[in-house]
Amino acid sequence: MADGVNRFLGDTPGRLIVKLLVVSIIVGFVMSAFGWSPYDIIYTIRNFVLDLWHSGFAALGRVGDYLLIGAAVVIPAFIILRIISYRR
């Protein structure tokens, strides 16, 4: 069972805890130096998703316009090419 746990974790549990502690201290120091907090990161991600959500619907409207304009050219060209190749 220990081999399965080590394989799942990628290392022994003791070494993994030490690695996680060291990385946590480094990340905490860097975040403190920049004045960031975990809440700042969460709110930034939340605001990014909300802005993407709100502007996404406007982009979908433009994509629909592009689709219709392109289809007005592509569909007849496709039909003409199929008719021409059907005769052969």
Protein backbone atom coordinates (compact mmCIF):
# COMPACT_ATOMS: atom_id res chain seq x y z
CA MET A 1 0.00 0.00 0.00
CA ALA A 2 2.89 2.38 0.70
CA ASP A 3 4.03 2.05 -2.92
CA GLY A 4 0.57 3.08 -4.13
CA VAL A 5 0.54 6.13 -1.85
CA ASN A 6 4.05 7.13 -2.92
CA ARG A 7 3.14 6.72 -6.57
CA PHE A 8 -0.04 8.80 -6.08
CA LEU A 9 1.76 11.58 -4.18
CA GLY A 10 4.89 11.48 -6.34
CA ASP A 11 7.20 11.08 -3.33
CA THR A 12 7.15 9.87 0.26
CA PRO A 13 4.69 11.71 2.49
CA GLY A 14 7.45 13.19 4.69
CA ARG A 15 9.44 14.59 1.77
CA LEU A 16 6.25 15.88 0.19
CA ILE A 17 5.29 17.78 3.34
CA VAL A 18 8.75 19.38 3.51
CA LYS A 19 8.55 20.40 -0.18
CA LEU A 20 5.07 21.86 0.27
CA LEU A 21 6.19 23.82 3.36
CA VAL A 22 9.18 25.30 1.51
CA VAL A 23 7.10 26.27 -1.53
CA SER A 24 4.39 27.72 0.74
CA ILE A 25 6.94 29.93 2.51
CA ILE A 26 8.38 31.17 -0.80
CA VAL A 27 4.95 31.88 -2.29
CA GLY A 28 3.83 33.58 0.92
CA PHE A 29 6.93 35.79 0.90
CA VAL A 30 6.42 36.80 -2.74
CA MET A 31 2.73 37.50 -2.22
CA SER A 32 3.52 39.58 0.86
CA ALA A 33 6.18 41.53 -1.04
CA PHE A 34 3.65 42.47 -3.74
CA GLY A 35 0.89 43.13 -1.22
CA TRP A 36 -1.32 40.37 -2.57
CA SER A 37 -3.68 38.22 -0.57
CA PRO A 38 -5.54 35.05 -1.51
CA TYR A 39 -8.76 37.10 -1.60
CA ASP A 40 -7.21 39.44 -4.19
CA ILE A 41 -6.47 36.47 -6.44
CA ILE A 42 -9.98 35.06 -5.99
CA TYR A 43 -11.63 38.42 -6.71
CA THR A 44 -9.39 38.97 -9.75
CA ILE A 45 -10.38 35.59 -11.18
CA ARG A 46 -14.04 36.27 -10.36
CA ASN A 47 -13.96 39.68 -12.05
CA PHE A 48 -12.19 38.21 -15.09
CA VAL A 49 -14.88 35.54 -15.49
CA LEU A 50 -17.68 38.09 -15.04
CA ASP A 51 -16.15 40.47 -17.59
CA LEU A 52 -15.69 37.60 -20.01
CA TRP A 53 -19.28 36.52 -19.40
CA HIS A 54 -20.70 40.00 -20.01
CA SER A 55 -18.61 40.76 -23.08
CA GLY A 56 -18.99 37.21 -24.37
CA PHE A 57 -22.62 37.67 -25.31
CA ALA A 58 -21.76 40.75 -27.36
CA ALA A 59 -19.02 38.76 -29.10
CA LEU A 60 -21.48 35.96 -29.84
CA GLY A 61 -23.75 38.47 -31.57
CA ARG A 62 -20.87 39.57 -33.80
CA VAL A 63 -19.94 35.95 -34.51
CA GLY A 64 -23.51 35.32 -35.63
CA ASP A 65 -23.27 38.26 -38.03
CA TYR A 66 -19.97 36.96 -39.39
CA LEU A 67 -21.49 33.51 -39.77
CA LEU A 68 -24.42 34.77 -41.82
CA ILE A 69 -22.25 36.98 -44.04
CA GLY A 70 -19.79 34.16 -44.66
CA ALA A 71 -22.54 31.61 -45.25
CA ALA A 72 -24.06 33.87 -47.91
CA VAL A 73 -20.88 33.32 -49.94
CA VAL A 74 -19.73 29.85 -48.87
CA ILE A 75 -23.00 27.91 -49.20
CA PRO A 76 -23.72 28.92 -52.84
CA ALA A 77 -20.06 28.33 -53.77
CA PHE A 78 -20.22 24.89 -52.16
CA ILE A 79 -23.41 24.01 -54.01
CA ILE A 80 -21.94 25.18 -57.34
CA LEU A 81 -18.74 23.17 -56.76
CA ARG A 82 -20.77 20.06 -55.86
CA ILE A 83 -22.90 20.41 -59.00
CA ILE A 84 -19.80 20.83 -61.15
CA SER A 85 -18.07 17.80 -59.61
CA TYR A 86 -21.27 15.70 -59.83
CA ARG A 87 -21.24 15.86 -63.63
CA ARG A 88 -17.86 14.12 -63.79
